[in-house]
């Protein structure tokens, strides 16, 4: 159950990183628009934060089986 929740959060994090990458590459964030830069940084940050626990939980589960 917990692993499934972290898997869903992991996929949401990947989607947020993809949105951040899109905003960074195809928007006015490069031209100095501060609000666009904040949105880009926020999506990258939240995406990384949501992605990070899943590999740790997966490793703990794997170690518990051994």
PDB file of N, CA and C in Angstrom:
ATOM      1  N   UNK A   1       0.825  -1.200   0.000  1.00  0.00           N
ATOM      2  CA  UNK A   1       0.000   0.000   0.000  1.00  0.00           C
ATOM      3  C   UNK A   1       0.866   1.260   0.000  1.00  0.00           C
ATOM      4  N   UNK A   2       1.834   1.323   0.895  1.00  0.00           N
ATOM      5  CA  UNK A   2       2.699   2.496   0.973  1.00  0.00           C
ATOM      6  C   UNK A   2       3.530   2.630  -0.294  1.00  0.00           C
ATOM      7  N   UNK A   3       4.006   1.495  -0.794  1.00  0.00           N
ATOM      8  CA  UNK A   3       4.812   1.521  -2.012  1.00  0.00           C
ATOM      9  C   UNK A   3       3.989   2.043  -3.193  1.00  0.00           C
ATOM     10  N   UNK A   4       2.727   1.682  -3.246  1.00  0.00           N
ATOM     11  CA  UNK A   4       1.859   2.152  -4.331  1.00  0.00           C
ATOM     12  C   UNK A   4       1.647   3.657  -4.248  1.00  0.00           C
ATOM     13  N   UNK A   5       1.487   4.188  -3.048  1.00  0.00           N
ATOM     14  CA  UNK A   5       1.330   5.635  -2.878  1.00  0.00           C
ATOM     15  C   UNK A   5       2.594   6.360  -3.331  1.00  0.00           C
ATOM     16  N   UNK A   6       3.760   5.836  -2.927  1.00  0.00           N
ATOM     17  CA  UNK A   6       5.006   6.466  -3.338  1.00  0.00           C
ATOM     18  C   UNK A   6       5.241   6.333  -4.839  1.00  0.00           C
ATOM     19  N   UNK A   7       4.761   5.257  -5.448  1.00  0.00           N
ATOM     20  CA  UNK A   7       4.868   5.106  -6.895  1.00  0.00           C
ATOM     21  C   UNK A   7       4.027   6.161  -7.611  1.00  0.00           C
ATOM     22  N   UNK A   8       2.827   6.398  -7.114  1.00  0.00           N
ATOM     23  CA  UNK A   8       1.971   7.432  -7.706  1.00  0.00           C
ATOM     24  C   UNK A   8       2.610   8.806  -7.545  1.00  0.00           C
ATOM     25  N   UNK A   9       3.148   9.092  -6.365  1.00  0.00           N
ATOM     26  CA  UNK A   9       3.831  10.368  -6.151  1.00  0.00           C
ATOM     27  C   UNK A   9       5.056  10.496  -7.046  1.00  0.00           C
ATOM     28  N   UNK A  10       5.745   9.376  -7.289  1.00  0.00           N
ATOM     29  CA  UNK A  10       6.907   9.376  -8.168  1.00  0.00           C
ATOM     30  C   UNK A  10       6.507   9.780  -9.587  1.00  0.00           C
ATOM     31  N   UNK A  11       5.406   9.225 -10.072  1.00  0.00           N
ATOM     32  CA  UNK A  11       4.951   9.567 -11.420  1.00  0.00           C
ATOM     33  C   UNK A  11       4.460  11.004 -11.503  1.00  0.00           C
ATOM     34  N   UNK A  12       3.835  11.499 -10.459  1.00  0.00           N
ATOM     35  CA  UNK A  12       3.430  12.909 -10.432  1.00  0.00           C
ATOM     36  C   UNK A  12       4.672  13.795 -10.457  1.00  0.00           C
ATOM     37  N   UNK A  13       5.718  13.397  -9.720  1.00  0.00           N
ATOM     38  CA  UNK A  13       6.973  14.145  -9.727  1.00  0.00           C
ATOM     39  C   UNK A  13       7.622  14.162 -11.092  1.00  0.00           C
ATOM     40  N   UNK A  14       7.600  13.038 -11.791  1.00  0.00           N
ATOM     41  CA  UNK A  14       8.152  12.991 -13.145  1.00  0.00           C
ATOM     42  C   UNK A  14       7.374  13.934 -14.066  1.00  0.00           C
ATOM     43  N   UNK A  15       6.057  13.952 -13.916  1.00  0.00           N
ATOM     44  CA  UNK A  15       5.237  14.857 -14.729  1.00  0.00           C
ATOM     45  C   UNK A  15       5.560  16.318 -14.419  1.00  0.00           C
ATOM     46  N   UNK A  16       5.769  16.648 -13.147  1.00  0.00           N
ATOM     47  CA  UNK A  16       6.105  18.025 -12.784  1.00  0.00           C
ATOM     48  C   UNK A  16       7.474  18.426 -13.334  1.00  0.00           C
ATOM     49  N   UNK A  17       8.431  17.520 -13.311  1.00  0.00           N
ATOM     50  CA  UNK A  17       9.740  17.822 -13.895  1.00  0.00           C
ATOM     51  C   UNK A  17       9.602  18.035 -15.400  1.00  0.00           C
ATOM     52  N   UNK A  18       8.763  17.241 -16.051  1.00  0.00           N
ATOM     53  CA  UNK A  18       8.527  17.419 -17.481  1.00  0.00           C
ATOM     54  C   UNK A  18       7.879  18.777 -17.766  1.00  0.00           C
ATOM     55  N   UNK A  19       6.924  19.180 -16.927  1.00  0.00           N
ATOM     56  CA  UNK A  19       6.301  20.500 -17.082  1.00  0.00           C
ATOM     57  C   UNK A  19       7.338  21.605 -16.879  1.00  0.00           C
ATOM     58  N   UNK A  20       8.181  21.429 -15.873  1.00  0.00           N
ATOM     59  CA  UNK A  20       9.237  22.409 -15.637  1.00  0.00           C
ATOM     60  C   UNK A  20      10.207  22.502 -16.797  1.00  0.00           C
ATOM     61  N   UNK A  21      10.544  21.362 -17.375  1.00  0.00           N
ATOM     62  CA  UNK A  21      11.422  21.354 -18.543  1.00  0.00           C
ATOM     63  C   UNK A  21      10.754  22.048 -19.728  1.00  0.00           C
ATOM     64  N   UNK A  22       9.464  21.799 -19.919  1.00  0.00           N
ATOM     65  CA  UNK A  22       8.733  22.488 -20.975  1.00  0.00           C
ATOM     66  C   UNK A  22       8.726  24.000 -20.745  1.00  0.00           C
ATOM     67  N   UNK A  23       8.429  24.407 -19.502  1.00  0.00           N
ATOM     68  CA  UNK A  23       8.409  25.839 -19.202  1.00  0.00           C
ATOM     69  C   UNK A  23       9.769  26.476 -19.419  1.00  0.00           C
ATOM     70  N   UNK A  24      10.814  25.756 -19.074  1.00  0.00           N
ATOM     71  CA  UNK A  24      12.160  26.294 -19.210  1.00  0.00           C
ATOM     72  C   UNK A  24      12.567  26.421 -20.672  1.00  0.00           C
ATOM     73  N   UNK A  25      12.217  25.441 -21.490  1.00  0.00           N
ATOM     74  CA  UNK A  25      12.660  25.440 -22.876  1.00  0.00           C
ATOM     75  C   UNK A  25      11.767  26.260 -23.811  1.00  0.00           C
ATOM     76  N   UNK A  26      10.465  26.278 -23.556  1.00  0.00           N
ATOM     77  CA  UNK A  26       9.541  26.854 -24.528  1.00  0.00           C
ATOM     78  C   UNK A  26       8.732  28.029 -24.002  1.00  0.00           C
ATOM     79  N   UNK A  27       9.256  28.756 -23.043  1.00  0.00           N
ATOM     80  CA  UNK A  27       8.503  29.909 -22.544  1.00  0.00           C
ATOM     81  C   UNK A  27       9.430  31.110 -22.412  1.00  0.00           C
ATOM     82  N   UNK A  28       8.894  32.168 -21.849  1.00  0.00           N
ATOM     83  CA  UNK A  28       9.649  33.404 -21.699  1.00  0.00           C
ATOM     84  C   UNK A  28      10.490  33.433 -20.424  1.00  0.00           C
ATOM     85  N   UNK A  29      10.709  32.288 -19.805  1.00  0.00           N
ATOM     86  CA  UNK A  29      11.492  32.256 -18.564  1.00  0.00           C
ATOM     87  C   UNK A  29      12.934  32.677 -18.821  1.00  0.00           C
ATOM     88  N   UNK A  30      13.434  32.410 -20.014  1.00  0.00           N
ATOM     89  CA  UNK A  30      14.807  32.784 -20.338  1.00  0.00           C
ATOM     90  C   UNK A  30      14.956  34.287 -20.544  1.00  0.00           C
ATOM     91  N   UNK A  31      13.885  34.958 -20.890  1.00  0.00           N
ATOM     92  CA  UNK A  31      13.984  36.382 -21.193  1.00  0.00           C
ATOM     93  C   UNK A  31      13.917  37.261 -19.949  1.00  0.00           C
ATOM     94  N   UNK A  32      13.839  36.681 -18.781  1.00  0.00           N
ATOM     95  CA  UNK A  32      13.870  37.470 -17.556  1.00  0.00           C
ATOM     96  C   UNK A  32      12.525  37.679 -16.893  1.00  0.00           C
ATOM     97  N   UNK A  33      11.485  37.015 -17.340  1.00  0.00           N
ATOM     98  CA  UNK A  33      10.179  37.119 -16.707  1.00  0.00           C
ATOM     99  C   UNK A  33      10.231  36.396 -15.359  1.00  0.00           C
ATOM    100  N   UNK A  34      10.187  37.170 -14.293  1.00  0.00           N
ATOM    101  CA  UNK A  34      10.418  36.610 -12.955  1.00  0.00           C
ATOM    102  C   UNK A  34       9.347  35.610 -12.564  1.00  0.00           C
ATOM    103  N   UNK A  35       8.088  35.896 -12.837  1.00  0.00           N
ATOM    104  CA  UNK A  35       7.026  34.965 -12.435  1.00  0.00           C
ATOM    105  C   UNK A  35       7.160  33.637 -13.175  1.00  0.00           C
ATOM    106  N   UNK A  36       7.569  33.688 -14.442  1.00  0.00           N
ATOM    107  CA  UNK A  36       7.763  32.446 -15.187  1.00  0.00           C
ATOM    108  C   UNK A  36       8.946  31.651 -14.637  1.00  0.00           C
ATOM    109  N   UNK A  37       9.985  32.367 -14.212  1.00  0.00           N
ATOM    110  CA  UNK A  37      11.134  31.682 -13.606  1.00  0.00           C
ATOM    111  C   UNK A  37      10.745  31.019 -12.285  1.00  0.00           C
ATOM    112  N   UNK A  38       9.876  31.674 -11.526  1.00  0.00           N
ATOM    113  CA  UNK A  38       9.415  31.100 -10.255  1.00  0.00           C
ATOM    114  C   UNK A  38       8.597  29.840 -10.509  1.00  0.00           C
ATOM    115  N   UNK A  39       7.705  29.881 -11.502  1.00  0.00           N
ATOM    116  CA  UNK A  39       6.910  28.686 -11.820  1.00  0.00           C
ATOM    117  C   UNK A  39       7.800  27.546 -12.292  1.00  0.00           C
ATOM    118  N   UNK A  40       8.800  27.868 -13.101  1.00  0.00           N
ATOM    119  CA  UNK A  40       9.715  26.841 -13.584  1.00  0.00           C
ATOM    120  C   UNK A  40      10.481  26.211 -12.430  1.00  0.00           C
ATOM    121  N   UNK A  41      11.018  27.029 -11.556  1.00  0.00           N
ATOM    122  CA  UNK A  41      11.768  26.514 -10.407  1.00  0.00           C
ATOM    123  C   UNK A  41      10.874  25.726  -9.457  1.00  0.00           C
ATOM    124  N   UNK A  42       9.636  26.175  -9.291  1.00  0.00           N
ATOM    125  CA  UNK A  42       8.706  25.477  -8.414  1.00  0.00           C
ATOM    126  C   UNK A  42       8.363  24.093  -8.944  1.00  0.00           C
ATOM    127  N   UNK A  43       8.117  23.991 -10.245  1.00  0.00           N
ATOM    128  CA  UNK A  43       7.787  22.679 -10.798  1.00  0.00           C
ATOM    129  C   UNK A  43       8.980  21.733 -10.735  1.00  0.00           C
ATOM    130  N   UNK A  44      10.183  22.247 -11.004  1.00  0.00           N
ATOM    131  CA  UNK A  44      11.374  21.404 -10.870  1.00  0.00           C
ATOM    132  C   UNK A  44      11.562  20.949  -9.418  1.00  0.00           C
ATOM    133  N   UNK A  45      11.414  21.875  -8.487  1.00  0.00           N
ATOM    134  CA  UNK A  45      11.622  21.551  -7.074  1.00  0.00           C
ATOM    135  C   UNK A  45      10.607  20.569  -6.533  1.00  0.00           C
ATOM    136  N   UNK A  46       9.335  20.822  -6.797  1.00  0.00           N
ATOM    137  CA  UNK A  46       8.296  19.902  -6.317  1.00  0.00           C
ATOM    138  C   UNK A  46       8.394  18.542  -7.002  1.00  0.00           C
ATOM    139  N   UNK A  47       8.736  18.561  -8.277  1.00  0.00           N
ATOM    140  CA  UNK A  47       8.900  17.299  -8.994  1.00  0.00           C
ATOM    141  C   UNK A  47      10.019  16.463  -8.393  1.00  0.00           C
ATOM    142  N   UNK A  48      11.148  17.088  -8.120  1.00  0.00           N
ATOM    143  CA  UNK A  48      12.262  16.371  -7.495  1.00  0.00           C
ATOM    144  C   UNK A  48      11.925  15.886  -6.101  1.00  0.00           C
ATOM    145  N   UNK A  49      11.196  16.711  -5.362  1.00  0.00           N
ATOM    146  CA  UNK A  49      10.802  16.335  -4.006  1.00  0.00           C
ATOM    147  C   UNK A  49       9.844  15.145  -4.008  1.00  0.00           C
ATOM    148  N   UNK A  50       8.918  15.114  -4.936  1.00  0.00           N
ATOM    149  CA  UNK A  50       7.964  14.013  -4.996  1.00  0.00           C
ATOM    150  C   UNK A  50       8.584  12.737  -5.566  1.00  0.00           C
ATOM    151  N   UNK A  51       9.593  12.872  -6.412  1.00  0.00           N
ATOM    152  CA  UNK A  51      10.226  11.699  -7.014  1.00  0.00           C
ATOM    153  C   UNK A  51      11.165  10.985  -6.045  1.00  0.00           C
ATOM    154  N   UNK A  52      11.780  11.706  -5.155  1.00  0.00           N
ATOM    155  CA  UNK A  52      12.896  11.159  -4.382  1.00  0.00           C
ATOM    156  C   UNK A  52      12.566  10.040  -3.397  1.00  0.00           C
ATOM    157  N   UNK A  53      11.425   9.972  -2.717  1.00  0.00           N
ATOM    158  CA  UNK A  53      11.240   8.895  -1.726  1.00  0.00           C
ATOM    159  C   UNK A  53      11.046   7.502  -2.318  1.00  0.00           C
ATOM    160  N   UNK A  54      10.555   7.399  -3.542  1.00  0.00           N
ATOM    161  CA  UNK A  54      10.233   6.075  -4.096  1.00  0.00           C
ATOM    162  C   UNK A  54      11.434   5.136  -4.182  1.00  0.00           C
ATOM    163  N   UNK A  55      12.585   5.559  -4.717  1.00  0.00           N
ATOM    164  CA  UNK A  55      13.718   4.623  -4.754  1.00  0.00           C
ATOM    165  C   UNK A  55      14.186   4.187  -3.363  1.00  0.00           C
ATOM    166  N   UNK A  56      14.070   5.061  -2.387  1.00  0.00           N
ATOM    167  CA  UNK A  56      14.472   4.711  -1.019  1.00  0.00           C
ATOM    168  C   UNK A  56      13.536   3.653  -0.449  1.00  0.00           C
ATOM    169  N   UNK A  57      12.234   3.841  -0.611  1.00  0.00           N
ATOM    170  CA  UNK A  57      11.257   2.861  -0.115  1.00  0.00           C
ATOM    171  C   UNK A  57      11.428   1.535  -0.844  1.00  0.00           C
ATOM    172  N   UNK A  58      11.677   1.602  -2.148  1.00  0.00           N
ATOM    173  CA  UNK A  58      11.894   0.382  -2.931  1.00  0.00           C
ATOM    174  C   UNK A  58      13.147  -0.349  -2.443  1.00  0.00           C
ATOM    175  N   UNK A  59      14.217   0.390  -2.115  1.00  0.00           N
ATOM    176  CA  UNK A  59      15.429  -0.235  -1.596  1.00  0.00           C
ATOM    177  C   UNK A  59      15.185  -0.876  -0.224  1.00  0.00           C
ATOM    178  N   UNK A  60      14.437  -0.187   0.648  1.00  0.00           N
ATOM    179  CA  UNK A  60      14.110  -0.772   1.951  1.00  0.00           C
ATOM    180  C   UNK A  60      13.316  -2.047   1.811  1.00  0.00           C
ATOM    181  N   UNK A  61      12.349  -2.044   0.881  1.00  0.00           N
ATOM    182  CA  UNK A  61      11.550  -3.249   0.648  1.00  0.00           C
ATOM    183  C   UNK A  61      12.435  -4.379   0.137  1.00  0.00           C
ATOM    184  N   UNK A  62      13.347  -4.074  -0.762  1.00  0.00           N
ATOM    185  CA  UNK A  62      14.259  -5.074  -1.301  1.00  0.00           C
ATOM    186  C   UNK A  62      15.178  -5.631  -0.210  1.00  0.00           C
ATOM    187  N   UNK A  63      15.671  -4.756   0.689  1.00  0.00           N
ATOM    188  CA  UNK A  63      16.547  -5.208   1.766  1.00  0.00           C
ATOM    189  C   UNK A  63      15.785  -6.057   2.782  1.00  0.00           C
ATOM    190  N   UNK A  64      14.498  -5.766   2.979  1.00  0.00           N
ATOM    191  CA  UNK A  64      13.708  -6.534   3.918  1.00  0.00           C
ATOM    192  C   UNK A  64      13.462  -7.958   3.406  1.00  0.00           C
ATOM    193  N   UNK A  65      13.419  -8.128   2.106  1.00  0.00           N
ATOM    194  CA  UNK A  65      13.223  -9.454   1.540  1.00  0.00           C
ATOM    195  C   UNK A  65      14.456 -10.328   1.685  1.00  0.00           C
ATOM    196  N   UNK A  66      15.629  -9.737   1.741  1.00  0.00           N
ATOM    197  CA  UNK A  66      16.866 -10.514   1.821  1.00  0.00           C
ATOM    198  C   UNK A  66      17.178 -10.966   3.226  1.00  0.00           C
TER     199      UNK A  66
END
